[in-house]
Structure formats: structure tokens, C-alpha cells
């Protein structure tokens, strides 16, 4: 499957300067940037930057970022699901995961998460894919946000709905392990019915749950 990556950029006024929201960004560009020290939800900032570089080099990999000057203050990743996870079992070339989304503490509340996701879906190429994201409460920053688990879930659902991602049922054990966890999905307009049916088989191992 051919993966076209068409670059988009948006400038967001911020104080006396502007925040650049851009992507998909190339590895060469990422290597010229620094990571905000607060971007440590998944790994240390330097290691996370290297992970972003590696994802950007994948044929299907997409990195959308927010930066202030040469410092990355937020990012969203898109890539094929990890081969160790259930979502890779169907071997689907048109199933892509919205993996990580993170914004540095000082820049939360500016709508950068929404802007990055919307910019990603500006690319018509996304209509060729089923895009999914798995939301797990243990990844959420409940302490700094001051939200309880249910309000945080509502916030994440609202964020994903800005690009028409909706809740999908599944019998995946990790998602079913807590009622706040969820699977959200957007099926592109050009995705064939055969892929939708294959995704249904991946979502449910116990057929009686259809």
C-alpha cells in the first residue's frame, strides 16, 4: 500500500510569537529540534524524540507536532499497531493506530491536541485507512489535570470526536479491564467493506459478542 505524506502547517498566535503546528514531519527535520523536558509521559524526552524520528522513518509513520521555535511542545503519532498487540493480528495494511498524544504542561489548554489531530486528518490520504486509538486510564495525567477518570475520558472522547472518531465495542481484555478504557475509530471513506469486516474480526475474538 502506498503511503503519501503531504505536509501541512498552521501558525497559532501565542503571546508575542506563534506556535507552529505541522506535519507529517520528516526525520531530518525532527533531528534539528529539541524536546520540551515535560514531554516524559512515555519515556525520557531525549528517548521520546528518538522514537519520533524512528516512527517518521516508517513508510506509514506520521508525526504531527507543535513547536515553539526549535522546541517540540506537543506531538501526535500515527503508525501500524505493534506486532505484539491484538490489533496487528489481521495483517491489515489499511489499519493505522493513533498511538501517542502529548502536550507539555505549560501549553495545555491552548487546544493544541485538537489542532494537531485536525491537521493530521486534513490529508485526504487518511480516507484510505481505518484509524483507531486505544484509550487506557493508566496513561492519563489525572494528577496534573485535576480531573477524575470519568471526566478525563469525556475529554479524550471529545478530542477524538473532533475528527469524527467514535466509540467501538471490543472484547479486548486490556480495554475491558476497566470501564473507563475505550476504543475509538474512524473508518475512511475509501476503506473497502472487506477491511471493515476484517477489523470486526480483530475487535472480537468471541463471536457471540457481535
N, C-alpha and C. Protein backbone atom coordinates (compact mmCIF):
# COMPACT_ATOMS: atom_id res chain seq x y z
N UNK A 1 0.85 -1.20 0.00
CA UNK A 1 0.00 0.00 0.00
C UNK A 1 0.88 1.24 0.00
N UNK A 2 0.58 2.19 -0.87
CA UNK A 2 1.38 3.41 -0.94
C UNK A 2 0.92 4.39 0.14
N UNK A 3 1.88 4.96 0.84
CA UNK A 3 1.58 5.92 1.90
C UNK A 3 2.11 7.29 1.49
N UNK A 4 1.21 8.17 1.09
CA UNK A 4 1.60 9.52 0.72
C UNK A 4 1.55 10.41 1.96
N UNK A 5 2.55 11.25 2.11
CA UNK A 5 2.61 12.14 3.27
C UNK A 5 2.70 13.58 2.76
N UNK A 6 1.58 14.29 2.86
CA UNK A 6 1.51 15.66 2.37
C UNK A 6 1.61 16.62 3.55
N UNK A 7 2.63 17.44 3.55
CA UNK A 7 2.96 18.33 4.67
C UNK A 7 1.95 19.47 4.77
N UNK A 8 1.54 19.76 6.01
CA UNK A 8 0.66 20.89 6.29
C UNK A 8 1.24 21.68 7.46
N UNK A 9 0.96 22.97 7.50
CA UNK A 9 1.46 23.84 8.57
C UNK A 9 0.38 24.84 8.95
N UNK A 10 0.29 25.10 10.25
CA UNK A 10 -0.63 26.10 10.78
C UNK A 10 0.11 26.90 11.85
N UNK A 11 -0.02 28.22 11.81
CA UNK A 11 0.61 29.08 12.81
C UNK A 11 -0.45 29.53 13.82
N UNK A 12 -0.17 29.32 15.11
CA UNK A 12 -1.10 29.66 16.18
C UNK A 12 -0.52 30.81 16.99
N UNK A 13 -1.16 31.99 17.01
CA UNK A 13 -0.64 33.12 17.81
C UNK A 13 -0.50 32.72 19.26
N UNK A 14 0.64 33.12 19.84
CA UNK A 14 0.90 32.79 21.26
C UNK A 14 1.78 33.89 21.84
N UNK A 15 1.21 34.64 22.80
CA UNK A 15 1.90 35.77 23.42
C UNK A 15 2.46 36.69 22.32
N UNK A 16 3.76 36.91 22.29
CA UNK A 16 4.34 37.80 21.28
C UNK A 16 4.93 37.04 20.10
N UNK A 17 4.62 35.76 20.01
CA UNK A 17 5.20 34.95 18.94
C UNK A 17 4.11 34.02 18.39
N UNK A 18 4.48 32.85 17.90
CA UNK A 18 3.50 31.91 17.41
C UNK A 18 3.99 30.48 17.60
N UNK A 19 3.03 29.60 17.78
CA UNK A 19 3.30 28.17 17.84
C UNK A 19 3.03 27.59 16.46
N UNK A 20 3.97 26.79 15.97
CA UNK A 20 3.81 26.14 14.68
C UNK A 20 3.26 24.73 14.90
N UNK A 21 2.16 24.43 14.25
CA UNK A 21 1.61 23.07 14.23
C UNK A 21 1.84 22.55 12.82
N UNK A 22 2.56 21.42 12.69
CA UNK A 22 2.97 20.97 11.36
C UNK A 22 3.08 19.45 11.29
N UNK A 23 3.06 18.97 10.06
CA UNK A 23 3.25 17.55 9.83
C UNK A 23 2.54 17.07 8.59
N UNK A 24 2.76 15.83 8.22
CA UNK A 24 3.74 14.92 8.83
C UNK A 24 5.17 15.45 8.63
N UNK A 25 5.97 15.41 9.68
CA UNK A 25 7.32 15.93 9.62
C UNK A 25 8.31 14.80 9.31
N UNK A 26 9.36 15.15 8.60
CA UNK A 26 10.38 14.18 8.20
C UNK A 26 11.42 14.01 9.31
N UNK A 27 12.11 12.90 9.28
CA UNK A 27 13.14 12.62 10.29
C UNK A 27 14.21 13.69 10.29
N UNK A 28 14.60 14.17 9.11
CA UNK A 28 15.66 15.18 9.03
C UNK A 28 15.26 16.45 9.78
N UNK A 29 13.99 16.82 9.71
CA UNK A 29 13.51 18.00 10.43
C UNK A 29 13.48 17.73 11.93
N UNK A 30 12.99 16.56 12.32
CA UNK A 30 12.92 16.23 13.75
C UNK A 30 14.30 16.27 14.41
N UNK A 31 15.31 15.88 13.68
CA UNK A 31 16.67 15.83 14.23
C UNK A 31 17.23 17.21 14.52
N UNK A 32 16.61 18.26 13.99
CA UNK A 32 17.08 19.63 14.25
C UNK A 32 16.38 20.25 15.46
N UNK A 33 15.44 19.52 16.06
CA UNK A 33 14.61 20.07 17.13
C UNK A 33 14.98 19.49 18.49
N UNK A 34 14.56 20.20 19.53
CA UNK A 34 14.72 19.73 20.91
C UNK A 34 13.35 19.39 21.48
N UNK A 35 13.35 18.55 22.49
CA UNK A 35 12.11 18.12 23.14
C UNK A 35 11.91 18.89 24.44
N UNK A 36 10.71 19.39 24.67
CA UNK A 36 10.41 20.04 25.94
C UNK A 36 10.62 19.04 27.07
N UNK A 37 11.23 19.45 28.18
CA UNK A 37 11.53 18.49 29.26
C UNK A 37 10.31 17.88 29.91
N UNK A 38 9.13 18.50 29.76
CA UNK A 38 7.91 17.93 30.36
C UNK A 38 7.30 16.81 29.52
N UNK A 39 7.80 16.59 28.32
CA UNK A 39 7.24 15.55 27.46
C UNK A 39 7.86 14.21 27.83
N UNK A 40 7.42 13.69 28.96
CA UNK A 40 8.03 12.48 29.53
C UNK A 40 6.99 11.44 29.95
N UNK A 41 5.80 11.51 29.36
CA UNK A 41 4.73 10.59 29.77
C UNK A 41 5.04 9.14 29.41
N UNK A 42 5.78 8.93 28.33
CA UNK A 42 6.03 7.57 27.85
C UNK A 42 7.49 7.13 28.03
N UNK A 43 8.40 8.07 27.93
CA UNK A 43 9.83 7.81 28.16
C UNK A 43 10.53 9.14 28.34
N UNK A 44 11.82 9.13 28.66
CA UNK A 44 12.54 10.38 28.84
C UNK A 44 12.54 11.18 27.55
N UNK A 45 12.51 12.52 27.66
CA UNK A 45 12.35 13.35 26.45
C UNK A 45 13.33 13.03 25.33
N UNK A 46 14.59 12.83 25.63
CA UNK A 46 15.55 12.54 24.58
C UNK A 46 15.23 11.22 23.89
N UNK A 47 14.83 10.24 24.68
CA UNK A 47 14.47 8.94 24.11
C UNK A 47 13.17 9.03 23.32
N UNK A 48 12.25 9.88 23.79
CA UNK A 48 10.99 10.05 23.06
C UNK A 48 11.24 10.73 21.71
N UNK A 49 12.15 11.67 21.67
CA UNK A 49 12.48 12.31 20.40
C UNK A 49 13.05 11.29 19.42
N UNK A 50 13.90 10.41 19.91
CA UNK A 50 14.45 9.37 19.03
C UNK A 50 13.34 8.44 18.54
N UNK A 51 12.37 8.15 19.41
CA UNK A 51 11.23 7.32 19.00
C UNK A 51 10.43 8.01 17.90
N UNK A 52 10.26 9.32 18.01
CA UNK A 52 9.54 10.07 16.97
C UNK A 52 10.29 10.01 15.65
N UNK A 53 11.60 10.13 15.71
CA UNK A 53 12.41 10.03 14.49
C UNK A 53 12.20 8.67 13.84
N UNK A 54 12.24 7.62 14.65
CA UNK A 54 12.09 6.26 14.11
C UNK A 54 10.70 6.05 13.50
N UNK A 55 9.67 6.58 14.14
CA UNK A 55 8.32 6.45 13.59
C UNK A 55 8.21 7.20 12.27
N UNK A 56 8.81 8.38 12.20
CA UNK A 56 8.72 9.18 10.97
C UNK A 56 9.39 8.50 9.79
N UNK A 57 10.33 7.60 10.07
CA UNK A 57 11.04 6.90 9.00
C UNK A 57 10.28 5.67 8.50
N UNK A 58 9.22 5.27 9.22
CA UNK A 58 8.40 4.15 8.76
C UNK A 58 7.59 4.57 7.54
N UNK A 59 7.35 3.67 6.61
CA UNK A 59 6.55 4.04 5.43
C UNK A 59 5.20 4.64 5.79
N UNK A 60 4.54 4.07 6.80
CA UNK A 60 3.22 4.57 7.20
C UNK A 60 3.28 5.58 8.34
N UNK A 61 4.46 5.76 8.94
CA UNK A 61 4.59 6.58 10.14
C UNK A 61 4.35 8.06 9.88
N UNK A 62 3.61 8.69 10.78
CA UNK A 62 3.34 10.12 10.67
C UNK A 62 3.53 10.76 12.04
N UNK A 63 4.26 11.85 12.06
CA UNK A 63 4.42 12.64 13.27
C UNK A 63 3.86 14.03 13.00
N UNK A 64 2.88 14.43 13.81
CA UNK A 64 2.35 15.79 13.79
C UNK A 64 2.83 16.45 15.07
N UNK A 65 3.41 17.64 14.97
CA UNK A 65 3.95 18.24 16.19
C UNK A 65 3.56 19.70 16.31
N UNK A 66 3.66 20.18 17.55
CA UNK A 66 3.57 21.60 17.87
C UNK A 66 4.93 22.01 18.37
N UNK A 67 5.42 23.14 17.89
CA UNK A 67 6.73 23.60 18.35
C UNK A 67 6.72 25.11 18.54
N UNK A 68 7.54 25.52 19.46
CA UNK A 68 7.78 26.94 19.73
C UNK A 68 9.25 27.16 19.41
N UNK A 69 9.51 27.81 18.28
CA UNK A 69 10.89 27.88 17.81
C UNK A 69 11.37 26.50 17.42
N UNK A 70 12.47 26.09 18.03
CA UNK A 70 13.04 24.76 17.74
C UNK A 70 12.71 23.74 18.83
N UNK A 71 11.78 24.07 19.71
CA UNK A 71 11.43 23.15 20.79
C UNK A 71 10.06 22.53 20.55
N UNK A 72 10.00 21.21 20.54
CA UNK A 72 8.74 20.49 20.42
C UNK A 72 7.99 20.60 21.74
N UNK A 73 6.74 21.08 21.69
CA UNK A 73 5.93 21.20 22.90
C UNK A 73 4.71 20.28 22.87
N UNK A 74 4.55 19.55 21.78
CA UNK A 74 3.46 18.59 21.69
C UNK A 74 3.61 17.76 20.43
N UNK A 75 3.02 16.57 20.45
CA UNK A 75 3.12 15.69 19.28
C UNK A 75 1.99 14.67 19.27
N UNK A 76 1.71 14.16 18.08
CA UNK A 76 0.79 13.05 17.87
C UNK A 76 1.47 12.07 16.93
N UNK A 77 1.33 10.79 17.20
CA UNK A 77 1.96 9.77 16.34
C UNK A 77 0.91 8.89 15.68
N UNK A 78 1.22 8.47 14.44
CA UNK A 78 0.41 7.50 13.70
C UNK A 78 1.34 6.43 13.16
N UNK A 79 0.95 5.18 13.31
CA UNK A 79 1.80 4.08 12.83
C UNK A 79 0.99 2.80 12.85
N UNK A 80 1.52 1.76 12.24
CA UNK A 80 0.87 0.45 12.33
C UNK A 80 0.90 -0.03 13.78
N UNK A 81 -0.10 -0.80 14.20
CA UNK A 81 -0.09 -1.32 15.57
C UNK A 81 1.11 -2.23 15.82
N UNK A 82 1.54 -2.25 17.07
CA UNK A 82 2.66 -3.09 17.48
C UNK A 82 2.36 -4.55 17.14
N UNK A 83 3.35 -5.25 16.63
CA UNK A 83 3.13 -6.63 16.20
C UNK A 83 2.80 -7.56 17.36
N UNK A 84 3.03 -7.14 18.59
CA UNK A 84 2.71 -7.95 19.76
C UNK A 84 1.29 -7.72 20.24
N UNK A 85 0.60 -6.75 19.66
CA UNK A 85 -0.75 -6.43 20.11
C UNK A 85 -1.81 -7.07 19.21
N UNK A 86 -2.98 -7.25 19.76
CA UNK A 86 -4.10 -7.85 19.04
C UNK A 86 -4.36 -7.15 17.71
N UNK A 87 -4.22 -5.83 17.66
CA UNK A 87 -4.64 -5.05 16.50
C UNK A 87 -3.80 -5.32 15.26
N UNK A 88 -2.67 -6.00 15.42
CA UNK A 88 -1.85 -6.35 14.26
C UNK A 88 -2.18 -7.74 13.71
N UNK A 89 -3.05 -8.47 14.40
CA UNK A 89 -3.28 -9.87 14.05
C UNK A 89 -3.90 -10.06 12.67
N UNK A 90 -4.65 -9.08 12.21
CA UNK A 90 -5.29 -9.23 10.90
C UNK A 90 -4.35 -8.94 9.75
N UNK A 91 -3.13 -8.46 10.03
CA UNK A 91 -2.19 -8.13 8.98
C UNK A 91 -2.73 -7.08 8.02
N UNK A 92 -3.48 -6.14 8.54
CA UNK A 92 -4.16 -5.16 7.71
C UNK A 92 -3.24 -3.99 7.35
N UNK A 93 -3.10 -3.73 6.07
CA UNK A 93 -2.26 -2.62 5.60
C UNK A 93 -2.98 -1.29 5.69
N UNK A 94 -4.29 -1.33 5.88
CA UNK A 94 -5.05 -0.08 5.97
C UNK A 94 -5.60 0.16 7.37
N UNK A 95 -4.99 -0.46 8.37
CA UNK A 95 -5.35 -0.21 9.77
C UNK A 95 -4.17 0.50 10.43
N UNK A 96 -4.37 1.75 10.84
CA UNK A 96 -3.31 2.59 11.40
C UNK A 96 -3.73 3.08 12.77
N UNK A 97 -2.79 3.05 13.70
CA UNK A 97 -3.07 3.47 15.07
C UNK A 97 -2.66 4.91 15.32
N UNK A 98 -3.57 5.67 15.91
CA UNK A 98 -3.20 6.95 16.51
C UNK A 98 -2.62 6.57 17.86
N UNK A 99 -1.29 6.58 17.94
CA UNK A 99 -0.63 5.99 19.09
C UNK A 99 -0.55 6.88 20.31
N UNK A 100 0.29 7.88 20.26
CA UNK A 100 0.52 8.74 21.42
C UNK A 100 0.12 10.18 21.09
N UNK A 101 -0.41 10.86 22.09
CA UNK A 101 -0.63 12.29 22.00
C UNK A 101 -0.20 12.90 23.33
N UNK A 102 0.62 13.93 23.25
CA UNK A 102 1.17 14.53 24.47
C UNK A 102 1.43 16.01 24.22
N UNK A 103 1.10 16.83 25.22
CA UNK A 103 1.36 18.27 25.17
C UNK A 103 2.04 18.66 26.47
N UNK A 104 3.10 19.46 26.39
CA UNK A 104 3.82 19.90 27.58
C UNK A 104 2.90 20.67 28.52
N UNK A 105 3.15 20.53 29.82
CA UNK A 105 2.26 21.08 30.84
C UNK A 105 1.92 22.56 30.62
N UNK A 106 2.91 23.39 30.34
CA UNK A 106 2.71 24.83 30.24
C UNK A 106 1.85 25.24 29.05
N UNK A 107 1.61 24.32 28.14
CA UNK A 107 0.89 24.66 26.91
C UNK A 107 -0.45 23.93 26.79
N UNK A 108 -0.85 23.30 27.86
CA UNK A 108 -2.17 22.66 27.86
C UNK A 108 -3.24 23.74 27.98
N UNK A 109 -4.40 23.45 27.46
CA UNK A 109 -5.48 24.43 27.50
C UNK A 109 -5.48 25.37 26.31
N UNK A 110 -4.53 25.20 25.39
CA UNK A 110 -4.46 26.04 24.19
C UNK A 110 -5.12 25.38 22.99
N UNK A 111 -5.61 24.16 23.18
CA UNK A 111 -6.25 23.45 22.08
C UNK A 111 -5.27 22.83 21.10
N UNK A 112 -4.02 22.63 21.54
CA UNK A 112 -3.01 22.10 20.61
C UNK A 112 -3.28 20.65 20.24
N UNK A 113 -3.78 19.86 21.18
CA UNK A 113 -4.10 18.47 20.85
C UNK A 113 -5.12 18.41 19.72
N UNK A 114 -6.16 19.20 19.84
CA UNK A 114 -7.20 19.24 18.81
C UNK A 114 -6.63 19.72 17.48
N UNK A 115 -5.81 20.76 17.52
CA UNK A 115 -5.24 21.30 16.29
C UNK A 115 -4.34 20.27 15.60
N UNK A 116 -3.55 19.53 16.37
CA UNK A 116 -2.66 18.54 15.77
C UNK A 116 -3.45 17.41 15.11
N UNK A 117 -4.47 16.92 15.81
CA UNK A 117 -5.26 15.83 15.24
C UNK A 117 -6.01 16.29 14.00
N UNK A 118 -6.59 17.49 14.06
CA UNK A 118 -7.31 18.00 12.90
C UNK A 118 -6.37 18.21 11.72
N UNK A 119 -5.15 18.68 11.99
CA UNK A 119 -4.20 18.87 10.90
C UNK A 119 -3.84 17.53 10.26
N UNK A 120 -3.70 16.49 11.08
CA UNK A 120 -3.39 15.16 10.55
C UNK A 120 -4.46 14.71 9.57
N UNK A 121 -5.73 14.97 9.90
CA UNK A 121 -6.83 14.50 9.07
C UNK A 121 -7.15 15.45 7.93
N UNK A 122 -6.39 16.54 7.81
CA UNK A 122 -6.51 17.40 6.63
C UNK A 122 -6.08 16.64 5.38
N UNK A 123 -5.17 15.69 5.56
CA UNK A 123 -4.63 14.92 4.45
C UNK A 123 -5.67 13.91 3.95
N UNK A 124 -6.05 14.02 2.70
CA UNK A 124 -7.05 13.13 2.12
C UNK A 124 -6.60 11.67 2.14
N UNK A 125 -5.31 11.42 2.26
CA UNK A 125 -4.78 10.06 2.34
C UNK A 125 -5.41 9.29 3.50
N UNK A 126 -5.81 10.01 4.54
CA UNK A 126 -6.37 9.34 5.72
C UNK A 126 -7.71 8.65 5.42
N UNK A 127 -8.35 9.01 4.31
CA UNK A 127 -9.61 8.36 3.94
C UNK A 127 -9.38 6.93 3.44
N UNK A 128 -8.10 6.55 3.26
CA UNK A 128 -7.78 5.19 2.84
C UNK A 128 -7.62 4.23 4.01
N UNK A 129 -7.70 4.75 5.24
CA UNK A 129 -7.37 3.95 6.42
C UNK A 129 -8.54 3.83 7.39
N UNK A 130 -8.47 2.77 8.19
CA UNK A 130 -9.20 2.72 9.45
C UNK A 130 -8.21 3.23 10.50
N UNK A 131 -8.53 4.36 11.12
CA UNK A 131 -7.68 4.91 12.17
C UNK A 131 -8.31 4.56 13.52
N UNK A 132 -7.53 4.00 14.42
CA UNK A 132 -8.07 3.66 15.74
C UNK A 132 -7.12 4.16 16.82
N UNK A 133 -7.68 4.35 17.99
CA UNK A 133 -6.87 4.67 19.16
C UNK A 133 -7.43 3.92 20.35
N UNK A 134 -6.56 3.43 21.20
CA UNK A 134 -6.96 2.74 22.43
C UNK A 134 -6.68 3.68 23.60
N UNK A 135 -7.70 3.98 24.35
CA UNK A 135 -7.57 4.88 25.49
C UNK A 135 -7.57 4.07 26.78
N UNK A 136 -6.46 4.16 27.53
CA UNK A 136 -6.32 3.46 28.80
C UNK A 136 -6.16 4.48 29.92
N UNK A 137 -6.93 4.33 30.98
CA UNK A 137 -6.92 5.33 32.04
C UNK A 137 -5.55 5.47 32.70
N UNK A 138 -4.74 4.39 32.69
CA UNK A 138 -3.44 4.47 33.36
C UNK A 138 -2.43 5.32 32.58
N UNK A 139 -2.77 5.72 31.37
CA UNK A 139 -1.91 6.64 30.63
C UNK A 139 -2.30 8.10 30.85
N UNK A 140 -3.41 8.34 31.51
CA UNK A 140 -3.93 9.69 31.63
C UNK A 140 -3.28 10.42 32.81
N UNK A 141 -3.06 11.71 32.63
CA UNK A 141 -2.41 12.53 33.66
C UNK A 141 -3.48 13.09 34.59
N UNK A 142 -4.03 12.23 35.43
CA UNK A 142 -5.11 12.64 36.31
C UNK A 142 -4.62 13.64 37.36
N UNK A 143 -3.40 13.46 37.82
CA UNK A 143 -2.88 14.32 38.89
C UNK A 143 -2.74 15.76 38.43
N UNK A 144 -2.07 15.98 37.32
CA UNK A 144 -1.83 17.36 36.86
C UNK A 144 -3.09 17.99 36.28
N UNK A 145 -3.95 17.18 35.68
CA UNK A 145 -5.16 17.73 35.08
C UNK A 145 -6.21 18.10 36.13
N UNK A 146 -6.16 17.40 37.28
CA UNK A 146 -7.16 17.63 38.31
C UNK A 146 -8.50 16.99 38.00
N UNK A 147 -8.55 16.17 36.95
CA UNK A 147 -9.80 15.53 36.55
C UNK A 147 -9.89 14.12 37.14
N UNK A 148 -11.12 13.68 37.38
CA UNK A 148 -11.28 12.28 37.74
C UNK A 148 -11.28 11.44 36.47
N UNK A 149 -11.28 10.14 36.62
CA UNK A 149 -11.11 9.26 35.47
C UNK A 149 -12.23 9.42 34.46
N UNK A 150 -13.46 9.69 34.92
CA UNK A 150 -14.60 9.80 34.01
C UNK A 150 -14.58 11.12 33.25
N UNK A 151 -14.20 12.20 33.93
CA UNK A 151 -14.10 13.48 33.24
C UNK A 151 -12.95 13.47 32.23
N UNK A 152 -11.87 12.76 32.58
CA UNK A 152 -10.76 12.67 31.64
C UNK A 152 -11.18 11.89 30.40
N UNK A 153 -11.92 10.81 30.62
CA UNK A 153 -12.40 10.06 29.46
C UNK A 153 -13.29 10.92 28.58
N UNK A 154 -14.19 11.70 29.19
CA UNK A 154 -15.05 12.58 28.40
C UNK A 154 -14.20 13.56 27.59
N UNK A 155 -13.14 14.07 28.19
CA UNK A 155 -12.26 14.99 27.49
C UNK A 155 -11.60 14.32 26.29
N UNK A 156 -11.13 13.08 26.48
CA UNK A 156 -10.48 12.36 25.38
C UNK A 156 -11.48 12.01 24.28
N UNK A 157 -12.68 11.61 24.67
CA UNK A 157 -13.70 11.32 23.66
C UNK A 157 -14.04 12.57 22.85
N UNK A 158 -14.17 13.70 23.53
CA UNK A 158 -14.46 14.95 22.83
C UNK A 158 -13.34 15.31 21.87
N UNK A 159 -12.09 15.08 22.30
CA UNK A 159 -10.94 15.36 21.45
C UNK A 159 -10.98 14.51 20.19
N UNK A 160 -11.22 13.23 20.34
CA UNK A 160 -11.22 12.34 19.18
C UNK A 160 -12.43 12.59 18.27
N UNK A 161 -13.53 13.03 18.84
CA UNK A 161 -14.72 13.30 18.03
C UNK A 161 -14.53 14.50 17.12
N UNK A 162 -13.50 15.32 17.38
CA UNK A 162 -13.27 16.49 16.52
C UNK A 162 -12.89 16.07 15.11
N UNK A 163 -12.49 14.80 14.93
CA UNK A 163 -12.21 14.27 13.59
C UNK A 163 -13.12 13.08 13.30
N UNK A 164 -14.24 13.04 14.00
CA UNK A 164 -15.29 12.03 13.78
C UNK A 164 -14.86 10.62 14.17
N UNK A 165 -13.94 10.48 15.10
CA UNK A 165 -13.67 9.18 15.68
C UNK A 165 -14.76 8.88 16.69
N UNK A 166 -15.26 7.64 16.68
CA UNK A 166 -16.36 7.28 17.55
C UNK A 166 -16.02 6.01 18.33
N UNK A 167 -16.77 5.79 19.41
CA UNK A 167 -16.58 4.62 20.27
C UNK A 167 -16.98 3.35 19.52
N UNK A 168 -16.13 2.31 19.61
CA UNK A 168 -16.42 1.00 19.05
C UNK A 168 -16.30 -0.04 20.16
N UNK A 169 -17.17 -1.01 20.16
CA UNK A 169 -17.11 -2.11 21.13
C UNK A 169 -15.99 -3.08 20.76
N UNK A 170 -15.49 -3.78 21.76
CA UNK A 170 -14.46 -4.79 21.57
C UNK A 170 -14.44 -5.70 22.79
N UNK A 171 -13.89 -6.91 22.61
CA UNK A 171 -13.70 -7.79 23.77
C UNK A 171 -12.22 -7.87 24.15
N UNK A 172 -11.43 -6.89 23.69
CA UNK A 172 -10.02 -6.85 24.04
C UNK A 172 -9.86 -6.80 25.57
N UNK A 173 -9.09 -7.72 26.16
CA UNK A 173 -9.00 -7.79 27.63
C UNK A 173 -8.49 -6.52 28.29
N UNK A 174 -7.50 -5.85 27.68
CA UNK A 174 -6.97 -4.63 28.30
C UNK A 174 -8.02 -3.54 28.34
N UNK A 175 -8.75 -3.37 27.26
CA UNK A 175 -9.78 -2.35 27.24
C UNK A 175 -10.91 -2.72 28.19
N UNK A 176 -11.27 -3.99 28.23
CA UNK A 176 -12.35 -4.44 29.11
C UNK A 176 -11.97 -4.48 30.58
N UNK A 177 -10.68 -4.30 30.88
CA UNK A 177 -10.22 -4.40 32.27
C UNK A 177 -10.69 -3.24 33.14
N UNK A 178 -11.13 -2.13 32.51
CA UNK A 178 -11.65 -1.00 33.29
C UNK A 178 -12.69 -0.30 32.44
N UNK A 179 -13.84 0.05 33.00
CA UNK A 179 -14.92 0.64 32.20
C UNK A 179 -14.59 2.01 31.61
N UNK A 180 -13.54 2.67 32.10
CA UNK A 180 -13.17 3.97 31.53
C UNK A 180 -12.33 3.82 30.26
N UNK A 181 -11.72 2.66 30.07
CA UNK A 181 -10.94 2.42 28.86
C UNK A 181 -11.87 2.33 27.66
N UNK A 182 -11.37 2.68 26.49
CA UNK A 182 -12.24 2.59 25.32
C UNK A 182 -11.43 2.51 24.03
N UNK A 183 -12.11 2.06 22.99
CA UNK A 183 -11.58 2.00 21.63
C UNK A 183 -12.34 3.01 20.81
N UNK A 184 -11.62 3.90 20.11
CA UNK A 184 -12.26 4.88 19.24
C UNK A 184 -11.72 4.73 17.83
N UNK A 185 -12.59 4.89 16.85
CA UNK A 185 -12.26 4.51 15.48
C UNK A 185 -12.86 5.50 14.48
N UNK A 186 -12.14 5.72 13.40
CA UNK A 186 -12.68 6.43 12.23
C UNK A 186 -12.38 5.58 11.00
N UNK A 187 -13.42 5.25 10.27
CA UNK A 187 -13.27 4.45 9.06
C UNK A 187 -13.29 5.39 7.86
N UNK A 188 -12.19 5.43 7.12
CA UNK A 188 -12.08 6.32 5.98
C UNK A 188 -13.10 6.00 4.90
N UNK A 189 -13.42 7.00 4.10
CA UNK A 189 -14.46 6.86 3.08
C UNK A 189 -14.10 5.84 2.00
N UNK A 190 -12.81 5.61 1.78
CA UNK A 190 -12.41 4.70 0.71
C UNK A 190 -11.97 3.33 1.23
N UNK A 191 -12.23 3.06 2.50
CA UNK A 191 -11.89 1.75 3.06
C UNK A 191 -12.88 0.71 2.54
N UNK A 192 -12.42 -0.39 1.97
CA UNK A 192 -13.35 -1.39 1.43
C UNK A 192 -14.06 -2.16 2.54
N UNK A 193 -15.23 -2.68 2.19
CA UNK A 193 -16.01 -3.45 3.16
C UNK A 193 -15.23 -4.64 3.69
N UNK A 194 -14.38 -5.25 2.87
CA UNK A 194 -13.59 -6.40 3.32
C UNK A 194 -12.69 -6.02 4.49
N UNK A 195 -12.15 -4.79 4.48
CA UNK A 195 -11.29 -4.35 5.58
C UNK A 195 -12.11 -4.08 6.83
N UNK A 196 -13.29 -3.52 6.67
CA UNK A 196 -14.17 -3.29 7.82
C UNK A 196 -14.53 -4.62 8.48
N UNK A 197 -14.82 -5.61 7.68
CA UNK A 197 -15.17 -6.93 8.21
C UNK A 197 -13.98 -7.58 8.90
N UNK A 198 -12.78 -7.40 8.33
CA UNK A 198 -11.58 -7.95 8.96
C UNK A 198 -11.33 -7.26 10.31
N UNK A 199 -11.54 -5.96 10.36
CA UNK A 199 -11.37 -5.23 11.62
C UNK A 199 -12.37 -5.71 12.66
N UNK A 200 -13.59 -6.02 12.23
CA UNK A 200 -14.58 -6.57 13.16
C UNK A 200 -14.10 -7.89 13.76
N UNK A 201 -13.46 -8.70 12.95
CA UNK A 201 -12.94 -9.99 13.44
C UNK A 201 -11.80 -9.77 14.43
N UNK A 202 -11.02 -8.72 14.23
CA UNK A 202 -9.94 -8.40 15.16
C UNK A 202 -10.51 -7.86 16.47
N UNK A 203 -11.55 -7.03 16.36
CA UNK A 203 -12.16 -6.44 17.56
C UNK A 203 -12.75 -7.49 18.49
N UNK A 204 -13.29 -8.55 17.88
CA UNK A 204 -13.98 -9.56 18.68
C UNK A 204 -13.41 -10.94 18.41
N UNK A 205 -12.88 -11.56 19.43
CA UNK A 205 -12.45 -12.94 19.31
C UNK A 205 -13.60 -13.88 19.66
N UNK A 206 -14.48 -13.39 20.54
CA UNK A 206 -15.65 -14.18 20.94
C UNK A 206 -16.82 -13.78 20.04
N UNK A 207 -17.13 -14.59 19.06
CA UNK A 207 -18.09 -14.18 18.03
C UNK A 207 -19.49 -13.94 18.58
N UNK A 208 -19.80 -14.53 19.74
CA UNK A 208 -21.14 -14.34 20.29
C UNK A 208 -21.36 -12.89 20.71
N UNK A 209 -20.29 -12.08 20.77
CA UNK A 209 -20.43 -10.69 21.19
C UNK A 209 -20.81 -9.78 20.04
N UNK A 210 -20.91 -10.29 18.81
CA UNK A 210 -21.32 -9.44 17.69
C UNK A 210 -22.75 -8.95 17.91
